[in-house]
C-alpha cells in the first residue's frame, strides 16, 4: 500500500512538471498552392525561425524520402546535425500546380515574439529556394495569404 501511495505521488509530480515545461500550442491549417512548373514534385520544409534568424524547429516536411533531404541545404545544416524524428510531421512531395493542406502546430508564445515562419523548397535537378516564403509570425500575418518566390504560388493559414 505504501509503495502504491509513493507511485501515485511520483506520477502526479511528473505530470505537474511536464505541464509546466510544455508551452501551450495552437494548430493551424496550412494550404500550399504550387506554381505550374514542370519536373519532379517539390520538397517543402516549413520551419520556425527564431528572432536571431536561426532555425528553431521543423514544423512540417512535404517529402518523406530522407535520401533527398540534403538538397534542402540550409535546413539540412540544421536538421542533419540533430536528426530528430520527424515522421509524424511529414507528407508526400507536391507536384507543380497541385496543392496540399496540412495541420501544423505552433507554440503560442512564439507568436508576436519576433519569430518567423519559413517555407523552403527544392526540386530535383532544379532551383532551390531558401526563402520561397518567409514572414514574421504575428497574429495578423498568420491569417493572411503569402505569395511565394519560387515553386510556391502562395500559402494560406487558418486557425484549426
C-alpha atoms as a PDB file:
ATOM      1  CA  UNK A   1       0.000   0.000   0.000  1.00  0.00           C
ATOM      2  CA  UNK A   2       2.827   2.354   0.875  1.00  0.00           C
ATOM      3  CA  UNK A   3       4.515   1.673  -2.499  1.00  0.00           C
ATOM      4  CA  UNK A   4       1.280   2.485  -4.339  1.00  0.00           C
ATOM      5  CA  UNK A   5       0.994   5.769  -2.432  1.00  0.00           C
ATOM      6  CA  UNK A   6       4.561   6.755  -3.415  1.00  0.00           C
ATOM      7  CA  UNK A   7       3.941   5.728  -7.015  1.00  0.00           C
ATOM      8  CA  UNK A   8       0.835   7.937  -7.179  1.00  0.00           C
ATOM      9  CA  UNK A   9       2.675  10.905  -5.629  1.00  0.00           C
ATOM     10  CA  UNK A  10       5.596  10.423  -8.046  1.00  0.00           C
ATOM     11  CA  UNK A  11       3.231  10.238 -11.040  1.00  0.00           C
ATOM     12  CA  UNK A  12       1.444  13.431 -10.016  1.00  0.00           C
ATOM     13  CA  UNK A  13       4.785  15.214  -9.555  1.00  0.00           C
ATOM     14  CA  UNK A  14       5.993  14.130 -13.003  1.00  0.00           C
ATOM     15  CA  UNK A  15       2.735  15.234 -14.626  1.00  0.00           C
ATOM     16  CA  UNK A  16       2.927  18.564 -12.816  1.00  0.00           C
ATOM     17  CA  UNK A  17       6.488  19.188 -14.012  1.00  0.00           C
ATOM     18  CA  UNK A  18       5.542  18.170 -17.560  1.00  0.00           C
ATOM     19  CA  UNK A  19       2.595  20.551 -17.661  1.00  0.00           C
ATOM     20  CA  UNK A  20       4.794  23.465 -16.577  1.00  0.00           C
ATOM     21  CA  UNK A  21       7.517  22.719 -19.144  1.00  0.00           C
ATOM     22  CA  UNK A  22       5.252  22.235 -22.150  1.00  0.00           C
ATOM     23  CA  UNK A  23       4.211  25.519 -23.748  1.00  0.00           C
ATOM     24  CA  UNK A  24       0.608  25.669 -24.945  1.00  0.00           C
ATOM     25  CA  UNK A  25       0.338  25.431 -28.724  1.00  0.00           C
ATOM     26  CA  UNK A  26      -2.291  26.055 -31.365  1.00  0.00           C
ATOM     27  CA  UNK A  27      -2.932  24.157 -34.564  1.00  0.00           C
ATOM     28  CA  UNK A  28      -3.257  25.854 -37.946  1.00  0.00           C
ATOM     29  CA  UNK A  29      -4.427  24.551 -41.292  1.00  0.00           C
ATOM     30  CA  UNK A  30      -1.808  25.423 -43.866  1.00  0.00           C
ATOM     31  CA  UNK A  31      -2.698  25.314 -47.557  1.00  0.00           C
ATOM     32  CA  UNK A  32       0.196  25.383 -50.026  1.00  0.00           C
ATOM     33  CA  UNK A  33      -0.629  26.124 -53.676  1.00  0.00           C
ATOM     34  CA  UNK A  34       2.242  25.346 -56.062  1.00  0.00           C
ATOM     35  CA  UNK A  35       3.075  27.132 -59.334  1.00  0.00           C
ATOM     36  CA  UNK A  36       2.616  25.284 -62.633  1.00  0.00           C
ATOM     37  CA  UNK A  37       6.241  24.228 -63.046  1.00  0.00           C
ATOM     38  CA  UNK A  38       7.415  21.075 -64.859  1.00  0.00           C
ATOM     39  CA  UNK A  39       9.636  18.410 -63.376  1.00  0.00           C
ATOM     40  CA  UNK A  40       9.682  16.322 -60.236  1.00  0.00           C
ATOM     41  CA  UNK A  41       7.465  17.077 -57.248  1.00  0.00           C
ATOM     42  CA  UNK A  42       8.828  19.605 -54.745  1.00  0.00           C
ATOM     43  CA  UNK A  43      10.096  19.089 -51.246  1.00  0.00           C
ATOM     44  CA  UNK A  44       8.774  21.806 -48.937  1.00  0.00           C
ATOM     45  CA  UNK A  45      10.072  22.383 -45.417  1.00  0.00           C
ATOM     46  CA  UNK A  46       8.162  24.630 -43.011  1.00  0.00           C
ATOM     47  CA  UNK A  47      10.401  25.894 -40.218  1.00  0.00           C
ATOM     48  CA  UNK A  48      10.151  28.116 -37.193  1.00  0.00           C
ATOM     49  CA  UNK A  49      12.930  30.741 -37.313  1.00  0.00           C
ATOM     50  CA  UNK A  50      13.952  32.403 -34.040  1.00  0.00           C
ATOM     51  CA  UNK A  51      14.447  36.169 -33.577  1.00  0.00           C
ATOM     52  CA  UNK A  52      18.180  35.756 -34.328  1.00  0.00           C
ATOM     53  CA  UNK A  53      17.337  34.336 -37.768  1.00  0.00           C
ATOM     54  CA  UNK A  54      18.306  30.743 -36.928  1.00  0.00           C
ATOM     55  CA  UNK A  55      16.288  27.558 -37.266  1.00  0.00           C
ATOM     56  CA  UNK A  56      14.477  26.670 -34.064  1.00  0.00           C
ATOM     57  CA  UNK A  57      12.121  23.875 -35.090  1.00  0.00           C
ATOM     58  CA  UNK A  58      10.863  21.924 -38.089  1.00  0.00           C
ATOM     59  CA  UNK A  59       7.083  22.310 -38.257  1.00  0.00           C
ATOM     60  CA  UNK A  60       6.341  20.198 -41.353  1.00  0.00           C
ATOM     61  CA  UNK A  61       8.101  18.482 -44.257  1.00  0.00           C
ATOM     62  CA  UNK A  62       6.408  17.779 -47.603  1.00  0.00           C
ATOM     63  CA  UNK A  63       8.515  14.878 -48.820  1.00  0.00           C
ATOM     64  CA  UNK A  64       9.167  11.733 -46.862  1.00  0.00           C
ATOM     65  CA  UNK A  65      12.129  10.258 -48.772  1.00  0.00           C
ATOM     66  CA  UNK A  66      15.042  11.143 -46.485  1.00  0.00           C
ATOM     67  CA  UNK A  67      17.524  10.384 -49.291  1.00  0.00           C
ATOM     68  CA  UNK A  68      16.815  13.837 -50.767  1.00  0.00           C
ATOM     69  CA  UNK A  69      16.762  15.949 -47.600  1.00  0.00           C
ATOM     70  CA  UNK A  70      20.342  17.107 -48.178  1.00  0.00           C
ATOM     71  CA  UNK A  71      19.081  19.004 -51.280  1.00  0.00           C
ATOM     72  CA  UNK A  72      17.291  21.397 -48.914  1.00  0.00           C
ATOM     73  CA  UNK A  73      20.709  22.713 -47.977  1.00  0.00           C
ATOM     74  CA  UNK A  74      20.081  25.370 -45.317  1.00  0.00           C
ATOM     75  CA  UNK A  75      17.540  23.272 -43.434  1.00  0.00           C
ATOM     76  CA  UNK A  76      19.738  20.166 -43.731  1.00  0.00           C
ATOM     77  CA  UNK A  77      22.561  22.046 -41.992  1.00  0.00           C
ATOM     78  CA  UNK A  78      20.160  22.421 -39.033  1.00  0.00           C
ATOM     79  CA  UNK A  79      18.232  19.151 -39.165  1.00  0.00           C
ATOM     80  CA  UNK A  80      21.078  16.901 -40.331  1.00  0.00           C
ATOM     81  CA  UNK A  81      23.062  17.563 -37.158  1.00  0.00           C
ATOM     82  CA  UNK A  82      20.185  16.654 -34.839  1.00  0.00           C
ATOM     83  CA  UNK A  83      18.273  14.080 -36.888  1.00  0.00           C
ATOM     84  CA  UNK A  84      15.152  14.458 -34.786  1.00  0.00           C
ATOM     85  CA  UNK A  85      12.357  12.027 -35.545  1.00  0.00           C
ATOM     86  CA  UNK A  86      10.073  13.910 -37.957  1.00  0.00           C
ATOM     87  CA  UNK A  87       7.913  11.002 -39.176  1.00  0.00           C
ATOM     88  CA  UNK A  88       4.819  12.499 -37.523  1.00  0.00           C
ATOM     89  CA  UNK A  89       5.225  15.772 -39.452  1.00  0.00           C
ATOM     90  CA  UNK A  90       5.926  14.548 -42.982  1.00  0.00           C
ATOM     91  CA  UNK A  91       3.815  14.022 -46.076  1.00  0.00           C
ATOM     92  CA  UNK A  92       4.212  13.417 -49.802  1.00  0.00           C
ATOM     93  CA  UNK A  93       6.001  15.863 -52.092  1.00  0.00           C
ATOM     94  CA  UNK A  94       3.834  18.350 -54.019  1.00  0.00           C
ATOM     95  CA  UNK A  95       3.745  18.384 -57.838  1.00  0.00           C
ATOM     96  CA  UNK A  96       3.621  21.507 -59.973  1.00  0.00           C
ATOM     97  CA  UNK A  97       0.132  23.097 -59.976  1.00  0.00           C
ATOM     98  CA  UNK A  98      -1.029  20.933 -57.059  1.00  0.00           C
ATOM     99  CA  UNK A  99      -1.988  21.963 -53.555  1.00  0.00           C
ATOM    100  CA  UNK A 100      -1.625  20.383 -50.153  1.00  0.00           C
ATOM    101  CA  UNK A 101      -3.387  21.075 -46.890  1.00  0.00           C
ATOM    102  CA  UNK A 102      -1.697  20.125 -43.644  1.00  0.00           C
ATOM    103  CA  UNK A 103      -2.033  20.943 -39.991  1.00  0.00           C
ATOM    104  CA  UNK A 104       0.954  22.497 -38.252  1.00  0.00           C
ATOM    105  CA  UNK A 105       1.320  23.220 -34.565  1.00  0.00           C
ATOM    106  CA  UNK A 106       2.910  26.429 -33.302  1.00  0.00           C
ATOM    107  CA  UNK A 107       3.598  27.227 -29.657  1.00  0.00           C
ATOM    108  CA  UNK A 108       1.527  30.251 -28.646  1.00  0.00           C
ATOM    109  CA  UNK A 109       4.468  32.049 -27.032  1.00  0.00           C
ATOM    110  CA  UNK A 110       6.261  32.198 -30.421  1.00  0.00           C
ATOM    111  CA  UNK A 111       3.564  34.411 -31.981  1.00  0.00           C
ATOM    112  CA  UNK A 112       4.199  38.168 -31.760  1.00  0.00           C
ATOM    113  CA  UNK A 113       7.598  37.411 -30.186  1.00  0.00           C
ATOM    114  CA  UNK A 114       9.994  38.098 -33.080  1.00  0.00           C
ATOM    115  CA  UNK A 115       9.811  34.643 -34.678  1.00  0.00           C
ATOM    116  CA  UNK A 116       9.275  33.958 -38.387  1.00  0.00           C
ATOM    117  CA  UNK A 117       7.914  31.058 -40.364  1.00  0.00           C
ATOM    118  CA  UNK A 118       9.869  29.908 -43.428  1.00  0.00           C
ATOM    119  CA  UNK A 119       8.783  27.787 -46.401  1.00  0.00           C
ATOM    120  CA  UNK A 120      11.827  26.335 -48.140  1.00  0.00           C
ATOM    121  CA  UNK A 121      11.525  24.454 -51.470  1.00  0.00           C
ATOM    122  CA  UNK A 122      13.669  22.201 -53.613  1.00  0.00           C
ATOM    123  CA  UNK A 123      13.036  20.190 -56.775  1.00  0.00           C
ATOM    124  CA  UNK A 124      15.397  17.518 -58.105  1.00  0.00           C
ATOM    125  CA  UNK A 125      17.792  18.939 -60.753  1.00  0.00           C
ATOM    126  CA  UNK A 126      16.237  22.423 -60.439  1.00  0.00           C
ATOM    127  CA  UNK A 127      16.478  25.567 -58.311  1.00  0.00           C
ATOM    128  CA  UNK A 128      16.479  25.585 -54.517  1.00  0.00           C
ATOM    129  CA  UNK A 129      14.674  28.432 -52.721  1.00  0.00           C
ATOM    130  CA  UNK A 130      15.795  29.002 -49.122  1.00  0.00           C
ATOM    131  CA  UNK A 131      13.085  31.608 -48.543  1.00  0.00           C
ATOM    132  CA  UNK A 132      10.377  30.704 -51.032  1.00  0.00           C
ATOM    133  CA  UNK A 133       8.160  32.353 -48.417  1.00  0.00           C
ATOM    134  CA  UNK A 134       9.169  33.819 -45.072  1.00  0.00           C
ATOM    135  CA  UNK A 135       7.148  36.175 -42.901  1.00  0.00           C
ATOM    136  CA  UNK A 136       7.069  37.394 -39.290  1.00  0.00           C
ATOM    137  CA  UNK A 137       4.929  35.166 -37.101  1.00  0.00           C
ATOM    138  CA  UNK A 138       2.285  37.599 -35.868  1.00  0.00           C
ATOM    139  CA  UNK A 139      -1.408  37.142 -35.157  1.00  0.00           C
ATOM    140  CA  UNK A 140      -2.197  39.309 -38.179  1.00  0.00           C
ATOM    141  CA  UNK A 141       0.248  37.620 -40.595  1.00  0.00           C
ATOM    142  CA  UNK A 142      -0.790  34.108 -39.665  1.00  0.00           C
ATOM    143  CA  UNK A 143      -4.279  34.784 -41.109  1.00  0.00           C
ATOM    144  CA  UNK A 144      -3.058  36.174 -44.420  1.00  0.00           C
ATOM    145  CA  UNK A 145      -2.210  34.984 -47.897  1.00  0.00           C
ATOM    146  CA  UNK A 146       1.525  34.982 -48.649  1.00  0.00           C
ATOM    147  CA  UNK A 147       2.980  34.901 -52.169  1.00  0.00           C
ATOM    148  CA  UNK A 148       5.916  32.642 -52.990  1.00  0.00           C
ATOM    149  CA  UNK A 149       9.134  33.487 -54.846  1.00  0.00           C
ATOM    150  CA  UNK A 150       9.867  30.031 -56.255  1.00  0.00           C
ATOM    151  CA  UNK A 151       7.781  26.857 -56.599  1.00  0.00           C
ATOM    152  CA  UNK A 152       5.088  28.024 -54.193  1.00  0.00           C
ATOM    153  CA  UNK A 153       2.450  30.289 -55.735  1.00  0.00           C
ATOM    154  CA  UNK A 154       1.011  31.166 -52.298  1.00  0.00           C
ATOM    155  CA  UNK A 155       0.134  29.811 -48.876  1.00  0.00           C
ATOM    156  CA  UNK A 156      -2.803  30.492 -46.571  1.00  0.00           C
ATOM    157  CA  UNK A 157      -3.045  29.640 -42.904  1.00  0.00           C
ATOM    158  CA  UNK A 158      -6.148  29.443 -40.711  1.00  0.00           C
ATOM    159  CA  UNK A 159      -6.612  28.517 -37.063  1.00  0.00           C
ATOM    160  CA  UNK A 160      -7.718  24.889 -36.888  1.00  0.00           C
END
